[in-house]
């Protein structure tokens, strides 16, 4: 059974994008976005619940992890009805992991917006400070219980697409800013510098200077 989360509701921005056209051509990535992709054990706007045990199976599935690591999980704008298409790809999902956000168990994801026709549409929406949401598309079975439709452990996501109204609460990824990227780099640099000041181990010092 095809499990598509129909558009089903409304967090902060800024952009990490290539300013040099040659870099865009080289990498094929216009910007990177991240945020809540899905929730665990929470009834969504479509009346579905994705239990923790279902995500246990999904996240430990070698095929799923291979698609993520090999940059082979292509998403589109809106939900396609024909199973997806490379020529309509707007982004590629590069990370999906569990995270606790404001007391909620969620799947936190990251995606690169591609230098494709639909990718430019998506990037333009972000640059205009609009809020595209993200919603899953996959195959699996469900069962009705406790007033909700529970997605069973045979579920396997095909992709996460960008939509107007996501079924998961606050599933509105935001572009990563250059300032955030710089702040992260500075934190790492400071930690390495502190390590240099506090150690006399020659091997540690050599490895640290190589990193610096």
N, C-alpha and C. Protein backbone atom coordinates (compact mmCIF):
# COMPACT_ATOMS: atom_id res chain seq x y z
N UNK A 1 0.85 -1.20 0.00
CA UNK A 1 0.00 0.00 0.00
C UNK A 1 0.88 1.24 0.00
N UNK A 2 0.54 2.18 -0.87
CA UNK A 2 1.28 3.43 -0.93
C UNK A 2 0.83 4.33 0.22
N UNK A 3 1.79 4.78 1.03
CA UNK A 3 1.47 5.66 2.16
C UNK A 3 2.05 7.04 1.85
N UNK A 4 1.20 7.91 1.41
CA UNK A 4 1.60 9.28 1.12
C UNK A 4 0.92 10.18 2.12
N UNK A 5 1.70 11.07 2.74
CA UNK A 5 1.12 12.01 3.69
C UNK A 5 0.59 13.21 2.92
N UNK A 6 -0.74 13.28 2.70
CA UNK A 6 -1.30 14.42 1.99
C UNK A 6 -1.00 15.70 2.75
N UNK A 7 -1.10 16.80 2.02
CA UNK A 7 -0.82 18.06 2.67
C UNK A 7 -1.84 18.30 3.77
N UNK A 8 -1.46 18.53 4.84
CA UNK A 8 -2.41 18.49 5.92
C UNK A 8 -2.38 19.61 6.79
N UNK A 9 0.95 22.45 8.53
CA UNK A 9 0.32 23.38 9.40
C UNK A 9 1.39 24.24 10.01
N UNK A 10 1.52 25.36 10.92
CA UNK A 10 2.56 26.31 10.67
C UNK A 10 3.22 26.54 11.98
N UNK A 11 8.55 28.04 11.90
CA UNK A 11 9.46 28.26 12.97
C UNK A 11 10.62 29.00 12.36
N UNK A 12 11.86 29.86 11.47
CA UNK A 12 12.91 30.79 11.48
C UNK A 12 13.92 30.43 10.41
N UNK A 13 14.49 31.42 9.87
CA UNK A 13 15.19 31.25 8.61
C UNK A 13 16.56 31.85 8.46
N UNK A 14 17.01 31.86 7.26
CA UNK A 14 18.16 32.44 6.61
C UNK A 14 18.84 31.37 5.80
N UNK A 15 19.79 31.79 4.98
CA UNK A 15 20.14 30.91 3.88
C UNK A 15 21.64 30.60 3.78
N UNK A 16 21.93 29.34 3.54
CA UNK A 16 23.28 28.94 3.16
C UNK A 16 23.22 28.61 1.68
N UNK A 17 23.73 29.49 0.84
CA UNK A 17 23.66 29.25 -0.59
C UNK A 17 24.97 29.65 -1.26
N UNK A 18 25.23 29.10 -2.41
CA UNK A 18 26.43 29.44 -3.14
C UNK A 18 26.25 30.78 -3.83
N UNK A 19 27.12 31.73 -3.53
CA UNK A 19 27.02 33.03 -4.16
C UNK A 19 27.80 33.05 -5.48
N UNK A 20 28.77 32.17 -5.62
CA UNK A 20 29.58 32.10 -6.82
C UNK A 20 28.95 31.14 -7.82
N UNK A 21 28.53 31.62 -9.00
CA UNK A 21 27.88 30.75 -9.99
C UNK A 21 28.73 29.53 -10.34
N UNK A 22 30.06 29.70 -10.36
CA UNK A 22 30.92 28.57 -10.70
C UNK A 22 30.83 27.49 -9.65
N UNK A 23 30.63 27.91 -8.37
CA UNK A 23 30.51 26.93 -7.30
C UNK A 23 29.19 26.19 -7.41
N UNK A 24 28.12 26.91 -7.83
CA UNK A 24 26.83 26.26 -8.03
C UNK A 24 26.95 25.18 -9.10
N UNK A 25 27.63 25.51 -10.21
CA UNK A 25 27.78 24.54 -11.28
C UNK A 25 28.60 23.35 -10.82
N UNK A 26 29.60 23.63 -9.97
CA UNK A 26 30.49 22.57 -9.52
C UNK A 26 29.78 21.61 -8.58
N UNK A 27 29.02 22.14 -7.66
CA UNK A 27 28.41 21.28 -6.64
C UNK A 27 26.99 20.85 -7.00
N UNK A 28 26.28 21.67 -7.76
CA UNK A 28 24.89 21.36 -8.08
C UNK A 28 23.95 21.56 -6.93
N UNK A 29 24.41 22.27 -5.87
CA UNK A 29 23.58 22.49 -4.68
C UNK A 29 23.37 23.98 -4.50
N UNK A 30 22.11 24.39 -4.38
CA UNK A 30 21.78 25.80 -4.21
C UNK A 30 21.79 26.23 -2.76
N UNK A 31 21.33 25.36 -1.88
CA UNK A 31 21.32 25.64 -0.44
C UNK A 31 21.03 24.34 0.30
N UNK A 32 21.26 24.37 1.60
CA UNK A 32 20.97 23.20 2.44
C UNK A 32 19.94 23.59 3.49
N UNK A 33 18.96 22.73 3.69
CA UNK A 33 17.91 23.00 4.68
C UNK A 33 17.85 21.85 5.67
N UNK A 34 17.38 22.16 6.89
CA UNK A 34 17.23 21.11 7.88
C UNK A 34 16.10 21.45 8.84
N UNK A 35 15.58 20.42 9.50
CA UNK A 35 14.49 20.63 10.46
C UNK A 35 13.72 19.35 10.70
N UNK A 36 12.55 19.49 11.31
CA UNK A 36 11.69 18.34 11.59
C UNK A 36 11.17 17.76 10.28
N UNK A 37 11.35 16.46 10.10
CA UNK A 37 10.82 15.78 8.92
C UNK A 37 9.58 14.95 9.28
N UNK A 38 9.59 14.36 10.47
CA UNK A 38 8.50 13.47 10.88
C UNK A 38 8.49 13.36 12.40
N UNK A 39 7.42 12.78 12.96
CA UNK A 39 7.33 12.61 14.40
C UNK A 39 7.14 11.14 14.75
N UNK A 40 7.50 10.79 16.00
CA UNK A 40 7.31 9.43 16.50
C UNK A 40 6.15 9.41 17.49
N UNK A 41 5.35 8.36 17.42
CA UNK A 41 4.28 8.13 18.40
C UNK A 41 3.36 9.33 18.55
N UNK A 42 3.09 10.01 17.46
CA UNK A 42 2.28 11.23 17.50
C UNK A 42 1.28 11.21 16.35
N UNK A 43 0.04 11.42 16.65
CA UNK A 43 -1.00 11.44 15.63
C UNK A 43 -0.85 12.69 14.78
N UNK A 44 -0.72 12.50 13.46
CA UNK A 44 -0.53 13.67 12.60
C UNK A 44 -1.87 14.20 12.08
N UNK A 45 -1.80 15.20 11.24
CA UNK A 45 -3.02 15.85 10.76
C UNK A 45 -3.86 14.95 9.86
N UNK A 46 -3.27 13.86 9.39
CA UNK A 46 -4.01 12.91 8.57
C UNK A 46 -4.51 11.72 9.37
N UNK A 47 -4.38 11.79 10.70
CA UNK A 47 -4.87 10.72 11.56
C UNK A 47 -3.96 9.51 11.62
N UNK A 48 -2.70 9.66 11.15
CA UNK A 48 -1.75 8.55 11.18
C UNK A 48 -0.76 8.70 12.33
N UNK A 49 -0.33 7.54 12.84
CA UNK A 49 0.71 7.49 13.87
C UNK A 49 1.85 6.62 13.34
N UNK A 50 3.07 7.15 13.40
CA UNK A 50 4.26 6.38 13.04
C UNK A 50 4.95 6.00 14.35
N UNK A 51 4.72 4.76 14.84
CA UNK A 51 5.27 4.36 16.14
C UNK A 51 6.80 4.28 16.13
N UNK A 52 7.37 4.36 17.33
CA UNK A 52 8.83 4.27 17.47
C UNK A 52 9.37 2.97 16.89
N UNK A 53 8.62 1.87 17.10
CA UNK A 53 9.11 0.59 16.59
C UNK A 53 9.19 0.57 15.07
N UNK A 54 8.32 1.33 14.42
CA UNK A 54 8.38 1.42 12.96
C UNK A 54 9.65 2.14 12.53
N UNK A 55 9.98 3.24 13.23
CA UNK A 55 11.20 3.96 12.89
C UNK A 55 12.43 3.16 13.27
N UNK A 56 12.34 2.30 14.32
CA UNK A 56 13.45 1.40 14.66
C UNK A 56 13.84 0.57 13.45
N UNK A 57 12.82 0.01 12.81
CA UNK A 57 13.04 -0.85 11.65
C UNK A 57 13.53 -0.05 10.45
N UNK A 58 12.88 1.09 10.20
CA UNK A 58 13.25 1.92 9.04
C UNK A 58 14.70 2.38 9.14
N UNK A 59 15.08 2.95 10.28
CA UNK A 59 16.40 3.55 10.42
C UNK A 59 17.53 2.51 10.47
N UNK A 60 17.18 1.26 10.77
CA UNK A 60 18.19 0.21 10.79
C UNK A 60 18.22 -0.58 9.47
N UNK A 61 17.36 -0.19 8.54
CA UNK A 61 17.30 -0.87 7.24
C UNK A 61 18.51 -0.48 6.39
N UNK A 62 19.34 -1.44 6.00
CA UNK A 62 20.55 -1.13 5.22
C UNK A 62 20.25 -0.41 3.90
N UNK A 63 19.17 -0.80 3.23
CA UNK A 63 18.83 -0.16 1.97
C UNK A 63 18.48 1.31 2.16
N UNK A 64 17.73 1.59 3.24
CA UNK A 64 17.38 2.97 3.55
C UNK A 64 18.64 3.79 3.81
N UNK A 65 19.53 3.27 4.65
CA UNK A 65 20.76 3.99 4.99
C UNK A 65 21.67 4.17 3.78
N UNK A 66 21.70 3.17 2.91
CA UNK A 66 22.51 3.28 1.70
C UNK A 66 22.00 4.38 0.79
N UNK A 67 20.68 4.49 0.67
CA UNK A 67 20.12 5.54 -0.17
C UNK A 67 20.47 6.92 0.37
N UNK A 68 20.45 7.07 1.70
CA UNK A 68 20.80 8.36 2.31
C UNK A 68 22.27 8.66 2.06
N UNK A 69 23.14 7.70 2.41
CA UNK A 69 24.59 7.94 2.33
C UNK A 69 25.08 8.10 0.91
N UNK A 70 24.42 7.47 -0.04
CA UNK A 70 24.84 7.58 -1.44
C UNK A 70 24.14 8.72 -2.18
N UNK A 71 23.39 9.53 -1.44
CA UNK A 71 22.67 10.67 -2.02
C UNK A 71 21.74 10.22 -3.14
N UNK A 72 20.94 9.22 -2.81
CA UNK A 72 20.05 8.64 -3.80
C UNK A 72 18.58 8.77 -3.41
N UNK A 73 18.28 9.56 -2.36
CA UNK A 73 16.88 9.75 -1.95
C UNK A 73 16.41 11.11 -2.47
N UNK A 74 15.86 11.09 -3.68
CA UNK A 74 15.45 12.32 -4.34
C UNK A 74 14.01 12.68 -3.98
N UNK A 75 13.79 13.95 -3.64
CA UNK A 75 12.46 14.42 -3.34
C UNK A 75 11.97 15.40 -4.39
N UNK A 76 10.68 15.69 -4.35
CA UNK A 76 10.06 16.57 -5.34
C UNK A 76 9.21 17.64 -4.68
N UNK A 77 8.65 18.49 -5.50
CA UNK A 77 7.69 19.49 -5.03
C UNK A 77 6.30 18.86 -5.09
N UNK A 78 5.56 18.98 -4.01
CA UNK A 78 4.26 18.34 -3.89
C UNK A 78 4.48 16.81 -3.95
N UNK A 79 3.43 16.06 -3.84
CA UNK A 79 3.57 14.62 -3.87
C UNK A 79 3.26 14.08 -5.26
N UNK A 80 4.23 13.41 -5.92
CA UNK A 80 3.94 12.85 -7.24
C UNK A 80 2.99 11.67 -7.13
N UNK A 81 2.25 11.44 -8.17
CA UNK A 81 1.30 10.31 -8.16
C UNK A 81 1.85 9.11 -8.92
N UNK A 82 3.04 9.27 -9.52
CA UNK A 82 3.57 8.19 -10.34
C UNK A 82 4.86 7.59 -9.80
N UNK A 83 5.14 7.81 -8.51
CA UNK A 83 6.31 7.16 -7.91
C UNK A 83 7.60 7.94 -7.98
N UNK A 84 7.58 9.13 -8.52
CA UNK A 84 8.78 9.95 -8.53
C UNK A 84 9.50 9.95 -9.86
N UNK A 85 10.30 11.01 -10.08
CA UNK A 85 11.00 11.17 -11.36
C UNK A 85 12.28 11.97 -11.14
N UNK A 86 13.38 11.52 -11.73
CA UNK A 86 14.64 12.25 -11.60
C UNK A 86 14.53 13.66 -12.18
N UNK A 87 13.85 13.80 -13.32
CA UNK A 87 13.80 15.11 -13.97
C UNK A 87 12.96 16.12 -13.19
N UNK A 88 12.16 15.64 -12.23
CA UNK A 88 11.39 16.56 -11.38
C UNK A 88 12.03 16.75 -10.01
N UNK A 89 13.18 16.16 -9.78
CA UNK A 89 13.81 16.23 -8.46
C UNK A 89 14.15 17.68 -8.10
N UNK A 90 13.79 18.05 -6.89
CA UNK A 90 14.10 19.40 -6.41
C UNK A 90 15.16 19.38 -5.31
N UNK A 91 15.34 18.23 -4.67
CA UNK A 91 16.28 18.14 -3.55
C UNK A 91 16.67 16.68 -3.32
N UNK A 92 17.71 16.49 -2.55
CA UNK A 92 18.13 15.15 -2.16
C UNK A 92 18.28 15.12 -0.64
N UNK A 93 17.68 14.13 -0.01
CA UNK A 93 17.75 13.98 1.45
C UNK A 93 19.12 13.43 1.82
N UNK A 94 19.83 14.11 2.70
CA UNK A 94 21.21 13.73 3.05
C UNK A 94 21.37 13.23 4.48
N UNK A 95 20.34 13.40 5.29
CA UNK A 95 20.42 12.95 6.69
C UNK A 95 19.03 12.81 7.26
N UNK A 96 18.81 11.72 8.01
CA UNK A 96 17.59 11.54 8.79
C UNK A 96 18.00 10.86 10.08
N UNK A 97 17.77 11.52 11.21
CA UNK A 97 18.14 10.95 12.49
C UNK A 97 17.14 11.35 13.57
N UNK A 98 17.16 10.60 14.65
CA UNK A 98 16.24 10.88 15.76
C UNK A 98 16.75 12.06 16.58
N UNK A 99 15.77 12.82 17.09
CA UNK A 99 16.13 13.98 17.90
C UNK A 99 14.96 14.32 18.82
N UNK A 100 15.27 14.92 19.96
CA UNK A 100 14.23 15.40 20.87
C UNK A 100 14.13 16.91 20.70
N UNK A 101 12.98 17.37 20.28
CA UNK A 101 12.77 18.80 20.04
C UNK A 101 11.58 19.27 20.87
N UNK A 102 11.86 20.10 21.85
CA UNK A 102 10.80 20.63 22.72
C UNK A 102 9.94 19.52 23.31
N UNK A 103 10.58 18.44 23.72
CA UNK A 103 9.86 17.34 24.35
C UNK A 103 9.21 16.37 23.38
N UNK A 104 9.36 16.63 22.09
CA UNK A 104 8.80 15.74 21.07
C UNK A 104 9.88 14.83 20.50
N UNK A 105 9.52 13.58 20.24
CA UNK A 105 10.42 12.67 19.55
C UNK A 105 10.18 12.83 18.06
N UNK A 106 11.20 13.31 17.36
CA UNK A 106 11.03 13.57 15.93
C UNK A 106 12.16 12.96 15.13
N UNK A 107 11.93 12.90 13.82
CA UNK A 107 13.00 12.60 12.89
C UNK A 107 13.48 13.94 12.35
N UNK A 108 14.75 14.23 12.59
CA UNK A 108 15.36 15.47 12.14
C UNK A 108 16.09 15.19 10.83
N UNK A 109 15.77 15.96 9.80
CA UNK A 109 16.36 15.69 8.50
C UNK A 109 17.10 16.86 7.92
N UNK A 110 17.90 16.54 6.92
CA UNK A 110 18.65 17.57 6.20
C UNK A 110 18.55 17.24 4.71
N UNK A 111 18.46 18.28 3.88
CA UNK A 111 18.36 18.06 2.43
C UNK A 111 19.12 19.15 1.68
N UNK A 112 19.74 18.76 0.58
CA UNK A 112 20.38 19.72 -0.32
C UNK A 112 19.40 20.06 -1.43
N UNK A 113 19.16 21.35 -1.61
CA UNK A 113 18.29 21.81 -2.70
C UNK A 113 19.14 21.84 -3.97
N UNK A 114 18.68 21.15 -5.00
CA UNK A 114 19.48 20.93 -6.19
C UNK A 114 19.37 22.04 -7.24
N UNK A 115 20.42 22.14 -8.04
CA UNK A 115 20.45 23.10 -9.13
C UNK A 115 19.72 22.51 -10.34
N UNK A 116 18.40 22.30 -10.14
CA UNK A 116 17.51 21.77 -11.17
C UNK A 116 16.35 22.75 -11.33
N UNK A 117 15.53 22.62 -12.37
CA UNK A 117 14.39 23.54 -12.50
C UNK A 117 13.52 23.59 -11.25
N UNK A 118 13.13 22.44 -10.74
CA UNK A 118 12.27 22.43 -9.54
C UNK A 118 13.06 22.84 -8.30
N UNK A 119 14.36 22.56 -8.29
CA UNK A 119 15.20 23.01 -7.17
C UNK A 119 15.26 24.53 -7.10
N UNK A 120 15.29 25.18 -8.27
CA UNK A 120 15.31 26.65 -8.29
C UNK A 120 13.98 27.21 -7.78
N UNK A 121 12.90 26.53 -8.07
CA UNK A 121 11.61 26.97 -7.53
C UNK A 121 11.63 26.89 -6.02
N UNK A 122 12.11 25.75 -5.49
CA UNK A 122 12.17 25.57 -4.04
C UNK A 122 13.10 26.59 -3.39
N UNK A 123 14.27 26.80 -3.98
CA UNK A 123 15.21 27.79 -3.43
C UNK A 123 14.61 29.18 -3.44
N UNK A 124 13.89 29.52 -4.50
CA UNK A 124 13.25 30.84 -4.58
C UNK A 124 12.21 31.02 -3.47
N UNK A 125 11.49 29.96 -3.17
CA UNK A 125 10.50 30.04 -2.10
C UNK A 125 11.18 30.32 -0.76
N UNK A 126 12.30 29.66 -0.51
CA UNK A 126 13.03 29.91 0.73
C UNK A 126 13.62 31.32 0.76
N UNK A 127 14.17 31.76 -0.36
CA UNK A 127 14.75 33.11 -0.40
C UNK A 127 13.70 34.18 -0.17
N UNK A 128 12.47 33.87 -0.55
CA UNK A 128 11.37 34.82 -0.35
C UNK A 128 10.80 34.72 1.05
N UNK A 129 11.47 33.92 1.92
CA UNK A 129 11.05 33.75 3.32
C UNK A 129 9.64 33.19 3.44
N UNK A 130 9.27 32.34 2.49
CA UNK A 130 8.04 31.57 2.64
C UNK A 130 8.39 30.29 3.39
N UNK A 131 7.39 29.46 3.69
CA UNK A 131 7.63 28.29 4.53
C UNK A 131 7.13 26.99 3.89
N UNK A 132 7.88 26.45 2.96
CA UNK A 132 7.52 25.13 2.43
C UNK A 132 7.65 24.08 3.54
N UNK A 133 6.72 23.16 3.57
CA UNK A 133 6.79 22.08 4.55
C UNK A 133 7.32 20.82 3.91
N UNK A 134 7.59 19.82 4.74
CA UNK A 134 8.10 18.56 4.23
C UNK A 134 7.18 17.43 4.67
N UNK A 135 6.97 16.46 3.78
CA UNK A 135 6.02 15.38 4.06
C UNK A 135 6.50 14.10 3.39
N UNK A 136 6.25 12.97 4.05
CA UNK A 136 6.79 11.70 3.58
C UNK A 136 5.95 11.03 2.51
N UNK A 137 6.63 10.15 1.78
CA UNK A 137 6.01 9.33 0.76
C UNK A 137 6.68 7.96 0.84
N UNK A 138 5.88 6.88 0.93
CA UNK A 138 6.49 5.56 1.05
C UNK A 138 5.49 4.44 0.88
N UNK A 139 5.96 3.21 1.10
CA UNK A 139 5.12 2.02 0.96
C UNK A 139 5.06 1.26 2.28
N UNK A 140 3.89 0.71 2.57
CA UNK A 140 3.73 -0.09 3.78
C UNK A 140 2.27 -0.31 4.10
N UNK A 141 2.01 -0.95 5.20
CA UNK A 141 0.63 -1.24 5.61
C UNK A 141 0.30 -0.53 6.92
N UNK A 142 -0.99 -0.42 7.19
CA UNK A 142 -1.45 0.26 8.41
C UNK A 142 -2.52 -0.57 9.09
N UNK A 143 -2.79 -0.23 10.35
CA UNK A 143 -3.89 -0.85 11.07
C UNK A 143 -4.59 0.19 11.92
N UNK A 144 -5.90 0.05 12.01
CA UNK A 144 -6.70 0.98 12.79
C UNK A 144 -6.75 0.55 14.26
N UNK A 145 -6.42 1.46 15.16
CA UNK A 145 -6.55 1.19 16.58
C UNK A 145 -6.48 2.52 17.34
N UNK A 146 -7.17 2.55 18.46
CA UNK A 146 -7.16 3.73 19.34
C UNK A 146 -7.49 5.01 18.58
N UNK A 147 -8.39 4.90 17.62
CA UNK A 147 -8.85 6.08 16.90
C UNK A 147 -7.85 6.67 15.94
N UNK A 148 -6.85 5.87 15.54
CA UNK A 148 -5.86 6.37 14.59
C UNK A 148 -5.42 5.26 13.66
N UNK A 149 -4.74 5.64 12.59
CA UNK A 149 -4.21 4.69 11.62
C UNK A 149 -2.72 4.52 11.90
N UNK A 150 -2.35 3.36 12.45
CA UNK A 150 -0.96 3.11 12.83
C UNK A 150 -0.18 2.51 11.67
N UNK A 151 0.95 3.11 11.35
CA UNK A 151 1.81 2.63 10.27
C UNK A 151 2.67 1.49 10.81
N UNK A 152 2.62 0.35 10.14
CA UNK A 152 3.28 -0.86 10.63
C UNK A 152 4.77 -0.90 10.24
N UNK A 153 5.46 -1.90 10.78
CA UNK A 153 6.91 -1.96 10.63
C UNK A 153 7.39 -2.36 9.23
N UNK A 154 6.46 -2.68 8.32
CA UNK A 154 6.88 -2.96 6.95
C UNK A 154 7.00 -1.67 6.12
N UNK A 155 6.78 -0.54 6.76
CA UNK A 155 6.84 0.74 6.06
C UNK A 155 8.27 1.07 5.63
N UNK A 156 8.42 1.59 4.42
CA UNK A 156 9.72 2.04 3.94
C UNK A 156 9.54 3.36 3.19
N UNK A 157 10.12 4.44 3.69
CA UNK A 157 9.98 5.73 3.01
C UNK A 157 10.64 5.71 1.64
N UNK A 158 9.95 6.30 0.69
CA UNK A 158 10.52 6.47 -0.64
C UNK A 158 11.26 7.80 -0.72
N UNK A 159 10.67 8.82 -0.07
CA UNK A 159 11.29 10.15 -0.06
C UNK A 159 10.50 11.06 0.87
N UNK A 160 11.05 12.25 1.10
CA UNK A 160 10.32 13.33 1.75
C UNK A 160 10.21 14.45 0.72
N UNK A 161 8.99 14.87 0.44
CA UNK A 161 8.73 15.92 -0.55
C UNK A 161 8.40 17.24 0.14
N UNK A 162 8.60 18.34 -0.58
CA UNK A 162 8.19 19.64 -0.06
C UNK A 162 6.77 19.94 -0.51
N UNK A 163 5.94 20.36 0.44
CA UNK A 163 4.52 20.59 0.20
C UNK A 163 4.08 21.89 0.88
N UNK A 164 2.86 22.28 0.62
CA UNK A 164 2.34 23.51 1.23
C UNK A 164 1.99 23.29 2.70
N UNK A 165 1.26 22.23 2.98
CA UNK A 165 0.81 21.95 4.35
C UNK A 165 1.24 20.55 4.75
N UNK A 166 2.30 20.42 5.52
CA UNK A 166 2.75 19.09 5.95
C UNK A 166 1.81 18.48 6.97
N UNK A 167 1.77 17.15 6.98
CA UNK A 167 0.90 16.47 7.94
C UNK A 167 1.49 16.47 9.34
N UNK A 168 2.83 16.54 9.45
CA UNK A 168 3.50 16.54 10.74
C UNK A 168 3.60 17.95 11.30
N UNK A 169 3.28 18.12 12.55
CA UNK A 169 3.34 19.44 13.20
C UNK A 169 4.74 20.03 13.11
N UNK A 170 4.81 21.30 12.65
CA UNK A 170 6.06 22.06 12.57
C UNK A 170 7.12 21.43 11.68
N UNK A 171 6.70 20.67 10.67
CA UNK A 171 7.66 20.09 9.73
C UNK A 171 7.99 21.11 8.64
N UNK A 172 8.67 22.19 9.05
CA UNK A 172 9.05 23.26 8.15
C UNK A 172 10.56 23.47 8.24
N UNK A 173 11.34 22.69 7.51
CA UNK A 173 12.80 22.86 7.54
C UNK A 173 13.20 24.28 7.15
N UNK A 174 14.32 24.72 7.68
CA UNK A 174 14.82 26.06 7.39
C UNK A 174 16.19 25.98 6.74
N UNK A 175 16.52 26.94 5.89
CA UNK A 175 17.87 26.98 5.32
C UNK A 175 18.91 27.19 6.41
N UNK A 176 20.06 26.58 6.23
CA UNK A 176 21.18 26.75 7.15
C UNK A 176 21.91 28.03 6.75
N UNK A 177 22.20 28.86 7.72
CA UNK A 177 22.84 30.15 7.42
C UNK A 177 24.35 30.01 7.38
N UNK A 178 24.98 30.94 6.70
CA UNK A 178 26.43 30.99 6.69
C UNK A 178 26.94 31.29 8.10
N UNK A 179 26.18 32.11 8.85
CA UNK A 179 26.61 32.45 10.21
C UNK A 179 26.60 31.22 11.11
N UNK A 180 25.60 30.34 10.92
CA UNK A 180 25.55 29.12 11.70
C UNK A 180 26.72 28.22 11.35
N UNK A 181 27.03 28.16 10.05
CA UNK A 181 28.15 27.34 9.60
C UNK A 181 29.45 27.88 10.18
N UNK A 182 29.61 29.22 10.16
CA UNK A 182 30.81 29.83 10.70
C UNK A 182 30.91 29.61 12.20
N UNK A 183 29.77 29.73 12.90
CA UNK A 183 29.76 29.53 14.35
C UNK A 183 30.19 28.11 14.71
N UNK A 184 29.71 27.14 13.94
CA UNK A 184 30.10 25.76 14.19
C UNK A 184 31.59 25.57 13.95
N UNK A 185 32.11 26.19 12.89
CA UNK A 185 33.54 26.08 12.59
C UNK A 185 34.37 26.73 13.69
N UNK A 186 33.91 27.89 14.17
CA UNK A 186 34.63 28.59 15.24
C UNK A 186 34.64 27.79 16.53
N UNK A 187 33.53 27.11 16.82
CA UNK A 187 33.47 26.28 18.04
C UNK A 187 34.48 25.15 17.97
N UNK A 188 34.58 24.53 16.81
CA UNK A 188 35.55 23.44 16.63
C UNK A 188 36.97 23.99 16.74
N UNK A 189 37.22 25.14 16.12
CA UNK A 189 38.55 25.76 16.16
C UNK A 189 38.94 26.10 17.59
N UNK A 190 38.01 26.67 18.36
CA UNK A 190 38.28 27.02 19.75
C UNK A 190 38.60 25.79 20.59
N UNK A 191 37.85 24.71 20.34
CA UNK A 191 38.08 23.47 21.09
C UNK A 191 39.47 22.91 20.80
N UNK A 192 39.89 22.97 19.52
CA UNK A 192 41.22 22.48 19.14
C UNK A 192 42.32 23.34 19.76
N UNK A 193 42.11 24.66 19.76
CA UNK A 193 43.10 25.56 20.35
C UNK A 193 43.24 25.34 21.85
N UNK A 194 42.12 25.08 22.52
CA UNK A 194 42.17 24.78 23.95
C UNK A 194 42.92 23.49 24.23
N UNK A 195 42.72 22.52 23.34
CA UNK A 195 43.41 21.23 23.49
C UNK A 195 44.92 21.42 23.37
N UNK A 196 45.34 22.25 22.41
CA UNK A 196 46.75 22.52 22.21
C UNK A 196 47.37 23.13 23.46
N UNK A 197 46.64 24.04 24.11
CA UNK A 197 47.14 24.72 25.30
C UNK A 197 47.30 23.79 26.50
N UNK A 198 46.49 22.72 26.52
CA UNK A 198 46.42 21.89 27.73
C UNK A 198 47.17 20.56 27.63
N UNK A 199 47.78 20.27 26.47
CA UNK A 199 48.45 18.98 26.34
C UNK A 199 49.91 19.14 25.94
N UNK A 200 50.72 18.18 26.35
CA UNK A 200 52.12 18.15 25.95
C UNK A 200 52.43 16.89 25.15
N UNK A 201 51.37 16.13 24.86
CA UNK A 201 51.51 14.90 24.10
C UNK A 201 51.86 15.24 22.64
N UNK A 202 53.03 14.86 22.20
CA UNK A 202 53.51 15.20 20.86
C UNK A 202 52.59 14.70 19.76
N UNK A 203 52.10 13.46 19.92
CA UNK A 203 51.23 12.89 18.90
C UNK A 203 49.92 13.66 18.80
N UNK A 204 49.34 13.99 19.95
CA UNK A 204 48.10 14.76 19.97
C UNK A 204 48.32 16.13 19.34
N UNK A 205 49.44 16.79 19.69
CA UNK A 205 49.73 18.11 19.14
C UNK A 205 49.87 18.06 17.63
N UNK A 206 50.59 17.04 17.12
CA UNK A 206 50.78 16.92 15.68
C UNK A 206 49.45 16.74 14.96
N UNK A 207 48.60 15.83 15.47
CA UNK A 207 47.31 15.59 14.85
C UNK A 207 46.42 16.83 14.90
N UNK A 208 46.50 17.57 16.00
CA UNK A 208 45.68 18.78 16.15
C UNK A 208 46.12 19.84 15.16
N UNK A 209 47.44 20.04 15.00
CA UNK A 209 47.92 21.04 14.06
C UNK A 209 47.57 20.68 12.62
N UNK A 210 47.51 19.39 12.33
CA UNK A 210 47.09 18.97 11.00
C UNK A 210 45.64 19.36 10.75
N UNK A 211 44.80 19.25 11.80
CA UNK A 211 43.41 19.65 11.69
C UNK A 211 43.26 21.15 11.54
N UNK A 212 44.11 21.90 12.26
CA UNK A 212 44.04 23.35 12.19
C UNK A 212 44.53 23.85 10.82
